């Protein structure tokens, strides 16, 4: 097995006494240009977070945004400044065109690799935002918004943990007070609002255009206060103005030799599309049972779910390369491993698994046989303390490398490991 020495530092401060944090963009999109030559990152080296781009051949880095107002309040960054600063959750990349979309000071903007910023639209003051997504053709940007009341609280007196998340149940407030979320879709050329779809009684934080049909958007109900196993993943068909559920209850699951049924009491998370827009991959855990990774076929409505070994109980994320091989930053362990014991304040969420995974693993699924071939590549050694220190691994477009975040000292840095 490789050791953590096999990982290569890509970007971040060289030491630990004085430095800064550097991280990938959110893992449901790429941080790499399509030719794998440029890596787009978020760095606070100048005191406030900004988007930077790194030339992977020369190591040259250039700052693309000019934020001086800290972190803007949004999903995950609960204790940020309302309406001011960079929305770290808002940064997403159009990999084919090397254009980055972001929200700064409640203004939706875009910037190319040339550093020229264009303002597109404004976020209403009575809404909060979350992770955004750009369509594969580069023509549309989806910005999920929620009535600001959902996150209306004082982080100092009503917040808990490292991320100062609300002590109240956010989805519970959305349900009891009749709040809504909105799929706000903008024309990336003009900034005009193409359409807005209101989703009542819903807290949306993740959106993803179908890779081959931008009229279809997958979205979520974040941290469901009930029925997490079936409320998490949804699809909106704008062409027909139809909303439908992805994961339902049932025992008609393929590739599941251990025989677990899909139940509303399960936990489901981190959905993503396959390249052809026909498959949704997700992961989670069966109610009071093992963790699992799942696959849903849009056209046939068939499910495949693979239960993980009982001792694979360390929270992690799954993403795919273009061949549908998976990469994961949690779950895997060797039989002789002794888990690191740490107080992780971000464990106090709906997911049942501790954030103490240590490995970056390539995972090759055989969905029909219900098996996963785990290939540990290195230790990421991240402390998982807060969203920015989640490894969130992604493949390069050519599938030869995996990039990930890690904080094993004072600062978050970006690393790379060979995937072949």
Protein backbone atom coordinates (compact mmCIF):
# COMPACT_ATOMS: atom_id res chain seq x y z
CA UNK A 1 0.00 0.00 0.00
CA UNK A 2 1.25 3.46 -0.80
CA UNK A 3 1.86 5.87 2.05
CA UNK A 4 0.98 9.50 2.48
CA UNK A 5 4.44 10.35 1.12
CA UNK A 6 3.11 9.42 -2.31
CA UNK A 7 0.78 12.37 -2.34
CA UNK A 8 2.16 15.51 -3.99
CA UNK A 9 1.53 19.03 -2.73
CA UNK A 10 -0.05 20.99 -5.56
CA UNK A 11 -0.97 24.31 -3.99
CA UNK A 12 -0.84 25.85 -0.53
CA UNK A 13 1.56 27.47 1.88
CA UNK A 14 4.93 25.69 2.05
CA UNK A 15 5.15 25.81 5.85
CA UNK A 16 2.90 25.82 8.90
CA UNK A 17 4.04 28.73 11.05
CA UNK A 18 2.64 31.39 8.76
CA UNK A 19 0.47 30.66 5.78
CA UNK A 20 -2.94 30.47 4.19
CA UNK A 21 -5.68 28.03 3.19
CA UNK A 22 -6.15 26.75 -0.35
CA UNK A 23 -8.93 24.41 -1.48
CA UNK A 24 -10.59 22.91 -4.53
CA UNK A 25 -13.95 24.13 -5.79
CA UNK A 26 -16.88 22.04 -4.62
CA UNK A 27 -16.57 18.45 -5.77
CA UNK A 28 -19.84 18.12 -7.72
CA UNK A 29 -18.07 20.05 -10.47
CA UNK A 30 -14.53 19.99 -11.75
CA UNK A 31 -11.73 22.31 -10.62
CA UNK A 32 -9.73 21.54 -13.76
CA UNK A 33 -9.89 22.99 -17.26
CA UNK A 34 -10.87 20.38 -19.82
CA UNK A 35 -7.26 20.00 -20.98
CA UNK A 36 -6.12 19.42 -17.37
CA UNK A 37 -3.62 22.27 -17.67
CA UNK A 38 -5.24 24.78 -15.30
CA UNK A 39 -6.45 24.18 -11.75
CA UNK A 40 -8.99 26.61 -10.28
CA UNK A 41 -8.90 27.06 -6.50
CA UNK A 42 -10.08 29.20 -3.60
CA UNK A 43 -7.32 30.77 -1.51
CA UNK A 44 -7.27 33.21 1.41
CA UNK A 45 -3.58 34.09 0.99
CA UNK A 46 -4.48 37.80 0.87
CA UNK A 47 -6.65 37.68 3.99
CA UNK A 48 -10.00 37.13 2.28
CA UNK A 49 -10.93 34.17 0.05
CA UNK A 50 -10.54 34.67 -3.69
CA UNK A 51 -10.56 32.50 -6.79
CA UNK A 52 -7.11 31.74 -8.16
CA UNK A 53 -5.90 29.71 -11.14
CA UNK A 54 -2.74 27.61 -11.19
CA UNK A 55 -0.86 26.61 -14.31
CA UNK A 56 0.01 23.00 -13.52
CA UNK A 57 3.00 22.97 -15.86
CA UNK A 58 4.75 26.07 -14.53
CA UNK A 59 3.26 26.36 -11.03
CA UNK A 60 2.33 29.98 -11.69
CA UNK A 61 -0.77 31.15 -9.81
CA UNK A 62 -2.90 34.19 -10.55
CA UNK A 63 -5.76 35.76 -8.58
CA UNK A 64 -8.97 36.16 -10.61
CA UNK A 65 -11.31 37.90 -8.14
CA UNK A 66 -10.79 40.91 -5.91
CA UNK A 67 -12.70 40.14 -2.72
CA UNK A 68 -11.73 42.01 0.45
CA UNK A 69 -14.84 41.39 2.54
CA UNK A 70 -14.24 37.91 3.94
CA UNK A 71 -16.72 35.05 3.50
CA UNK A 72 -20.34 35.68 2.55
CA UNK A 73 -23.02 33.90 4.57
CA UNK A 74 -24.51 30.91 2.76
CA UNK A 75 -25.06 27.19 3.20
CA UNK A 76 -22.13 25.57 5.05
CA UNK A 77 -20.59 29.00 5.73
CA UNK A 78 -23.26 29.86 8.26
CA UNK A 79 -21.29 32.45 10.21
CA UNK A 80 -20.26 34.46 7.14
CA UNK A 81 -21.16 38.09 6.48
CA UNK A 82 -24.75 38.58 5.26
CA UNK A 83 -24.57 39.84 1.69
CA UNK A 84 -20.85 40.65 1.87
CA UNK A 85 -17.72 38.78 0.83
CA UNK A 86 -17.11 35.83 -1.46
CA UNK A 87 -19.71 33.08 -1.47
CA UNK A 88 -17.26 30.19 -1.21
CA UNK A 89 -20.07 27.73 -1.92
CA UNK A 90 -21.00 29.65 -5.07
CA UNK A 91 -17.82 29.12 -7.07
CA UNK A 92 -18.23 26.73 -10.01
CA UNK A 93 -16.25 26.15 -13.20
CA UNK A 94 -17.23 25.81 -16.84
CA UNK A 95 -14.33 23.46 -17.58
CA UNK A 96 -14.68 23.59 -21.38
CA UNK A 97 -14.36 27.37 -21.50
CA UNK A 98 -12.28 28.01 -18.33
CA UNK A 99 -14.90 30.41 -17.00
CA UNK A 100 -15.61 30.62 -13.27
CA UNK A 101 -18.97 31.71 -11.83
CA UNK A 102 -19.19 33.13 -8.33
CA UNK A 103 -21.19 35.33 -5.96
CA UNK A 104 -19.46 38.28 -4.29
CA UNK A 105 -21.26 40.90 -2.21
CA UNK A 106 -24.58 39.39 -3.39
CA UNK A 107 -23.61 39.99 -7.03
CA UNK A 108 -23.50 37.01 -9.39
CA UNK A 109 -20.48 37.29 -11.66
CA UNK A 110 -18.16 35.40 -13.97
CA UNK A 111 -14.47 35.61 -14.70
CA UNK A 112 -12.33 34.07 -17.40
CA UNK A 113 -8.76 32.92 -17.19
CA UNK A 114 -7.82 36.41 -18.42
CA UNK A 115 -9.08 37.87 -15.13
CA UNK A 116 -11.83 39.97 -16.72
CA UNK A 117 -14.86 40.00 -14.40
CA UNK A 118 -18.41 40.52 -15.67
CA UNK A 119 -21.36 41.14 -13.36
CA UNK A 120 -24.47 39.19 -14.32
CA UNK A 121 -27.23 39.63 -11.74
CA UNK A 122 -27.98 40.31 -8.08
CA UNK A 123 -29.17 38.02 -5.30
CA UNK A 124 -32.32 39.36 -3.60
CA UNK A 125 -31.57 40.53 -0.06
CA UNK A 126 -34.29 38.29 1.39
CA UNK A 127 -32.64 35.08 0.15
CA UNK A 128 -29.56 32.99 0.92
CA UNK A 129 -27.62 30.91 -1.58
CA UNK A 130 -25.69 27.62 -1.75
CA UNK A 131 -23.69 25.54 -4.27
CA UNK A 132 -24.23 26.66 -7.87
CA UNK A 133 -23.82 24.82 -11.18
CA UNK A 134 -23.25 25.73 -14.84
CA UNK A 135 -24.72 23.73 -17.71
CA UNK A 136 -22.40 21.64 -19.90
CA UNK A 137 -22.98 23.93 -22.88
CA UNK A 138 -21.99 26.93 -20.76
CA UNK A 139 -25.21 28.80 -21.49
CA UNK A 140 -27.06 28.54 -18.17
CA UNK A 141 -26.16 29.01 -14.51
CA UNK A 142 -28.36 27.64 -11.73
CA UNK A 143 -28.19 29.45 -8.40
CA UNK A 144 -30.20 27.75 -5.65
CA UNK A 145 -31.78 30.24 -3.27
CA UNK A 146 -33.80 29.84 -0.09
CA UNK A 147 -35.90 32.29 1.91
CA UNK A 148 -33.37 33.96 4.22
CA UNK A 149 -35.47 33.16 7.27
CA UNK A 150 -34.12 29.59 7.03
CA UNK A 151 -30.73 30.86 8.24
CA UNK A 152 -31.97 33.82 10.28
CA UNK A 153 -30.08 33.45 13.57
CA UNK A 154 -27.12 34.73 15.57
CA UNK A 155 -24.18 32.33 15.09
CA UNK A 156 -22.62 33.48 18.35
CA UNK A 157 -25.61 32.67 20.55
CA UNK A 158 -27.58 30.19 18.41
CA UNK A 159 -24.73 28.45 16.59
CA UNK A 160 -22.86 25.28 17.47
CA UNK A 161 -19.70 23.51 16.41
CA UNK A 162 -16.79 24.68 14.34
CA UNK A 163 -19.03 25.93 11.52
CA UNK A 164 -21.45 27.66 13.91
CA UNK A 165 -24.40 25.91 12.29
CA UNK A 166 -27.83 26.74 13.78
CA UNK A 167 -28.83 24.83 16.89
CA UNK A 168 -32.37 24.58 15.51
CA UNK A 169 -33.35 22.13 12.77
CA UNK A 170 -33.19 24.12 9.55
CA UNK A 171 -35.46 21.83 7.54
CA UNK A 172 -37.81 21.76 10.51
CA UNK A 173 -38.07 25.55 10.37
CA UNK A 174 -38.63 25.40 6.60
CA UNK A 175 -41.52 22.97 7.14
CA UNK A 176 -43.12 24.70 10.13
CA UNK A 177 -42.87 28.23 8.73
CA UNK A 178 -43.76 27.37 5.13
CA UNK A 179 -40.49 28.55 3.60
CA UNK A 180 -39.41 27.88 0.02
CA UNK A 181 -36.36 27.40 -2.14
CA UNK A 182 -35.92 28.55 -5.73
CA UNK A 183 -34.11 27.18 -8.76
CA UNK A 184 -32.92 30.45 -10.29
CA UNK A 185 -31.53 29.91 -13.78
CA UNK A 186 -29.60 32.70 -15.51
CA UNK A 187 -28.37 33.26 -19.05
CA UNK A 188 -24.58 33.29 -18.69
CA UNK A 189 -24.11 35.72 -21.59
CA UNK A 190 -26.59 38.43 -20.65
CA UNK A 191 -27.25 37.72 -16.97
CA UNK A 192 -30.99 37.69 -17.64
CA UNK A 193 -33.13 35.42 -15.46
CA UNK A 194 -34.16 32.60 -17.81
CA UNK A 195 -36.64 31.22 -15.30
CA UNK A 196 -37.26 30.69 -11.60
CA UNK A 197 -38.88 27.55 -10.20
CA UNK A 198 -40.24 27.79 -6.65
CA UNK A 199 -40.01 24.58 -4.61
CA UNK A 200 -42.13 24.96 -1.46
CA UNK A 201 -41.21 23.41 1.89
CA UNK A 202 -37.70 22.69 0.68
CA UNK A 203 -34.13 23.70 1.56
CA UNK A 204 -32.04 23.34 -1.62
CA UNK A 205 -28.26 23.44 -1.37
CA UNK A 206 -27.05 21.28 -4.30
CA UNK A 207 -28.06 21.67 -7.95
CA UNK A 208 -26.69 19.95 -11.05
CA UNK A 209 -27.75 20.31 -14.66
CA UNK A 210 -28.12 17.05 -16.56
CA UNK A 211 -24.89 16.83 -18.62
CA UNK A 212 -26.70 16.32 -21.94
CA UNK A 213 -30.00 18.13 -21.31
CA UNK A 214 -29.87 21.50 -19.51
CA UNK A 215 -33.66 21.48 -19.26
CA UNK A 216 -33.29 18.91 -16.47
CA UNK A 217 -31.87 19.85 -13.06
CA UNK A 218 -31.19 17.53 -10.15
CA UNK A 219 -31.60 19.13 -6.75
CA UNK A 220 -31.80 18.10 -3.11
CA UNK A 221 -33.62 18.55 0.18
CA UNK A 222 -30.75 19.29 2.55
CA UNK A 223 -30.59 17.63 5.98
CA UNK A 224 -34.17 16.34 5.84
CA UNK A 225 -35.85 16.42 9.23
CA UNK A 226 -37.84 13.33 8.24
CA UNK A 227 -37.77 10.64 5.53
CA UNK A 228 -34.14 11.29 4.64
CA UNK A 229 -33.96 8.06 2.65
CA UNK A 230 -36.50 9.25 0.08
CA UNK A 231 -36.64 13.04 0.38
CA UNK A 232 -33.03 13.84 -0.49
CA UNK A 233 -32.82 13.58 -4.30
CA UNK A 234 -35.21 15.18 -6.82
CA UNK A 235 -35.27 16.03 -10.51
CA UNK A 236 -36.92 19.03 -12.12
CA UNK A 237 -37.85 18.82 -15.81
CA UNK A 238 -38.25 22.43 -16.91
CA UNK A 239 -39.52 21.45 -20.33
CA UNK A 240 -42.56 19.76 -18.78
CA UNK A 241 -42.51 21.70 -15.50
CA UNK A 242 -42.52 18.41 -13.60
CA UNK A 243 -40.79 17.52 -10.32
CA UNK A 244 -40.13 13.90 -9.39
CA UNK A 245 -38.49 11.92 -6.64
CA UNK A 246 -35.40 9.82 -7.39
CA UNK A 247 -35.04 7.34 -4.52
CA UNK A 248 -38.26 5.73 -3.32
CA UNK A 249 -39.04 2.95 -0.87
CA UNK A 250 -38.86 -0.61 -2.18
CA UNK A 251 -36.98 -3.90 -2.25
CA UNK A 252 -36.57 -4.09 -6.04
CA UNK A 253 -32.83 -3.40 -5.85
CA UNK A 254 -30.29 -5.08 -8.12
CA UNK A 255 -26.75 -6.06 -7.16
CA UNK A 256 -27.64 -6.19 -3.48
CA UNK A 257 -26.78 -9.69 -2.23
CA UNK A 258 -27.25 -8.62 1.39
CA UNK A 259 -30.88 -7.84 0.65
CA UNK A 260 -31.37 -4.39 2.17
CA UNK A 261 -34.57 -2.64 1.15
CA UNK A 262 -34.78 1.07 0.46
CA UNK A 263 -36.54 2.76 3.39
CA UNK A 264 -37.57 6.28 4.26
CA UNK A 265 -35.49 6.04 7.44
CA UNK A 266 -32.24 5.58 5.47
CA UNK A 267 -29.70 8.35 5.03
CA UNK A 268 -28.85 9.43 1.46
CA UNK A 269 -26.44 12.09 0.27
CA UNK A 270 -24.16 13.56 -2.43
CA UNK A 271 -25.96 12.70 -5.64
CA UNK A 272 -24.25 13.21 -9.01
CA UNK A 273 -24.82 12.53 -12.72
CA UNK A 274 -22.99 10.16 -15.04
CA UNK A 275 -21.55 11.77 -18.18
CA UNK A 276 -24.40 10.53 -20.37
CA UNK A 277 -27.05 11.98 -18.08
CA UNK A 278 -28.74 8.60 -17.66
CA UNK A 279 -27.41 7.52 -14.26
CA UNK A 280 -27.49 9.08 -10.80
CA UNK A 281 -24.89 7.95 -8.27
CA UNK A 282 -25.42 8.56 -4.55
CA UNK A 283 -24.25 7.21 -1.22
CA UNK A 284 -25.47 7.00 2.35
CA UNK A 285 -26.46 4.37 4.85
CA UNK A 286 -29.31 1.99 5.55
CA UNK A 287 -31.30 2.70 8.69
CA UNK A 288 -29.37 1.20 11.61
CA UNK A 289 -27.41 -0.84 9.05
CA UNK A 290 -24.23 -0.49 6.93
CA UNK A 291 -23.21 2.31 4.63
CA UNK A 292 -23.94 1.90 0.92
CA UNK A 293 -23.37 3.42 -2.51
CA UNK A 294 -26.20 3.46 -5.02
CA UNK A 295 -27.00 3.86 -8.69
CA UNK A 296 -30.32 4.86 -10.28
CA UNK A 297 -31.15 4.52 -13.98
CA UNK A 298 -33.33 7.40 -15.14
CA UNK A 299 -34.88 5.63 -18.14
CA UNK A 300 -35.67 2.22 -16.60
CA UNK A 301 -36.25 3.38 -13.02
CA UNK A 302 -33.99 0.55 -11.76
CA UNK A 303 -31.85 0.78 -8.63
CA UNK A 304 -28.54 -0.86 -7.77
CA UNK A 305 -27.18 -0.49 -4.24
CA UNK A 306 -24.04 -2.03 -2.78
CA UNK A 307 -23.75 -2.32 0.98
CA UNK A 308 -20.28 -1.63 2.37
CA UNK A 309 -18.57 -3.86 4.95
CA UNK A 310 -19.85 -3.28 8.46
CA UNK A 311 -16.58 -1.71 9.63
CA UNK A 312 -16.48 0.74 6.72
CA UNK A 313 -18.23 3.33 8.86
CA UNK A 314 -16.13 6.44 8.23
CA UNK A 315 -18.02 9.16 6.35
CA UNK A 316 -16.78 9.88 2.84
CA UNK A 317 -17.70 11.24 -0.58
CA UNK A 318 -17.90 9.41 -3.90
CA UNK A 319 -17.22 11.00 -7.27
CA UNK A 320 -16.61 9.52 -10.74
CA UNK A 321 -14.21 9.71 -13.63
CA UNK A 322 -15.43 9.60 -17.23
CA UNK A 323 -15.33 5.79 -17.15
CA UNK A 324 -17.59 5.66 -14.06
CA UNK A 325 -14.80 4.50 -11.79
CA UNK A 326 -15.32 5.98 -8.35
CA UNK A 327 -13.01 7.76 -5.94
CA UNK A 328 -13.71 8.01 -2.21
CA UNK A 329 -12.13 9.87 0.72
CA UNK A 330 -13.69 7.78 3.50
CA UNK A 331 -15.10 4.38 4.48
CA UNK A 332 -12.06 2.23 3.57
CA UNK A 333 -9.87 0.82 6.31
CA UNK A 334 -7.35 -1.96 6.75
CA UNK A 335 -8.26 -4.58 9.38
CA UNK A 336 -5.31 -3.54 11.54
CA UNK A 337 -6.04 0.19 11.38
CA UNK A 338 -6.67 2.02 14.64
CA UNK A 339 -8.84 5.02 13.93
CA UNK A 340 -7.71 8.46 14.92
CA UNK A 341 -9.84 9.82 17.75
CA UNK A 342 -10.67 13.48 17.39
CA UNK A 343 -13.45 15.82 18.39
CA UNK A 344 -15.05 16.81 15.12
CA UNK A 345 -17.74 19.40 15.66
CA UNK A 346 -19.09 18.96 12.13
CA UNK A 347 -20.17 15.42 13.02
CA UNK A 348 -23.28 16.85 14.61
CA UNK A 349 -25.40 16.50 11.48
CA UNK A 350 -27.89 13.99 10.08
CA UNK A 351 -25.31 11.57 8.72
CA UNK A 352 -24.70 8.58 11.01
CA UNK A 353 -20.97 8.15 10.31
CA UNK A 354 -17.99 9.83 11.95
CA UNK A 355 -15.71 12.00 9.82
CA UNK A 356 -12.53 10.09 10.51
CA UNK A 357 -11.69 8.47 7.15
CA UNK A 358 -8.01 8.53 6.24
CA UNK A 359 -7.59 7.18 2.71
CA UNK A 360 -8.03 8.31 -0.87
CA UNK A 361 -9.23 5.17 -2.64
CA UNK A 362 -10.04 4.35 -6.22
CA UNK A 363 -13.21 2.24 -6.19
CA UNK A 364 -14.24 0.05 -9.12
CA UNK A 365 -17.88 -1.07 -8.87
CA UNK A 366 -19.50 -4.15 -10.37
CA UNK A 367 -23.10 -3.08 -9.96
CA UNK A 368 -24.71 -6.31 -11.13
CA UNK A 369 -22.62 -8.48 -8.81
CA UNK A 370 -22.88 -6.01 -5.97
CA UNK A 371 -19.13 -5.70 -5.39
CA UNK A 372 -16.67 -2.85 -4.93
CA UNK A 373 -12.94 -3.20 -5.56
CA UNK A 374 -11.23 -0.74 -3.20
CA UNK A 375 -7.74 0.39 -4.25
CA UNK A 376 -6.24 2.65 -1.55
CA UNK A 377 -3.88 5.15 -3.19
CA UNK A 378 -2.62 7.18 -0.25
CA UNK A 379 -3.55 8.61 3.12
CA UNK A 380 -5.05 12.06 2.81
CA UNK A 381 -4.46 12.68 6.54
CA UNK A 382 -7.04 15.45 6.71
CA UNK A 383 -8.52 16.34 10.09
CA UNK A 384 -11.99 16.89 8.50
CA UNK A 385 -12.52 19.89 10.80
CA UNK A 386 -14.97 21.98 8.81
CA UNK A 387 -16.16 21.90 5.21
CA UNK A 388 -12.92 23.24 3.73
CA UNK A 389 -10.89 20.36 5.19
CA UNK A 390 -13.12 17.70 3.63
CA UNK A 391 -10.88 16.04 1.01
CA UNK A 392 -13.59 16.17 -1.70
CA UNK A 393 -11.48 14.19 -4.22
CA UNK A 394 -11.93 14.67 -7.96
CA UNK A 395 -10.40 12.96 -10.98
CA UNK A 396 -8.52 14.84 -13.66
CA UNK A 397 -10.39 14.70 -16.95
CA UNK A 398 -7.96 12.15 -18.36
CA UNK A 399 -8.48 9.96 -15.27
CA UNK A 400 -4.76 9.77 -14.49
CA UNK A 401 -4.72 11.87 -11.32
CA UNK A 402 -6.88 12.57 -8.28
CA UNK A 403 -6.80 15.97 -6.58
CA UNK A 404 -7.97 16.48 -3.00
CA UNK A 405 -7.91 18.82 0.00
CA UNK A 406 -6.19 18.05 3.27
CA UNK A 407 -5.41 19.79 6.52
CA UNK A 408 -2.97 17.83 8.61
CA UNK A 409 -1.42 20.91 10.19
CA UNK A 410 -2.71 24.47 10.49
CA UNK A 411 -3.78 25.04 6.90
CA UNK A 412 -5.85 23.42 4.18
CA UNK A 413 -3.77 22.53 1.11
CA UNK A 414 -4.39 20.80 -2.21
CA UNK A 415 -2.66 17.53 -3.09
CA UNK A 416 -2.53 15.11 -6.00
CA UNK A 417 -2.03 11.35 -6.27
CA UNK A 418 -1.64 9.07 -9.29
CA UNK A 419 -4.81 7.14 -10.10
CA UNK A 420 -3.34 4.61 -12.54
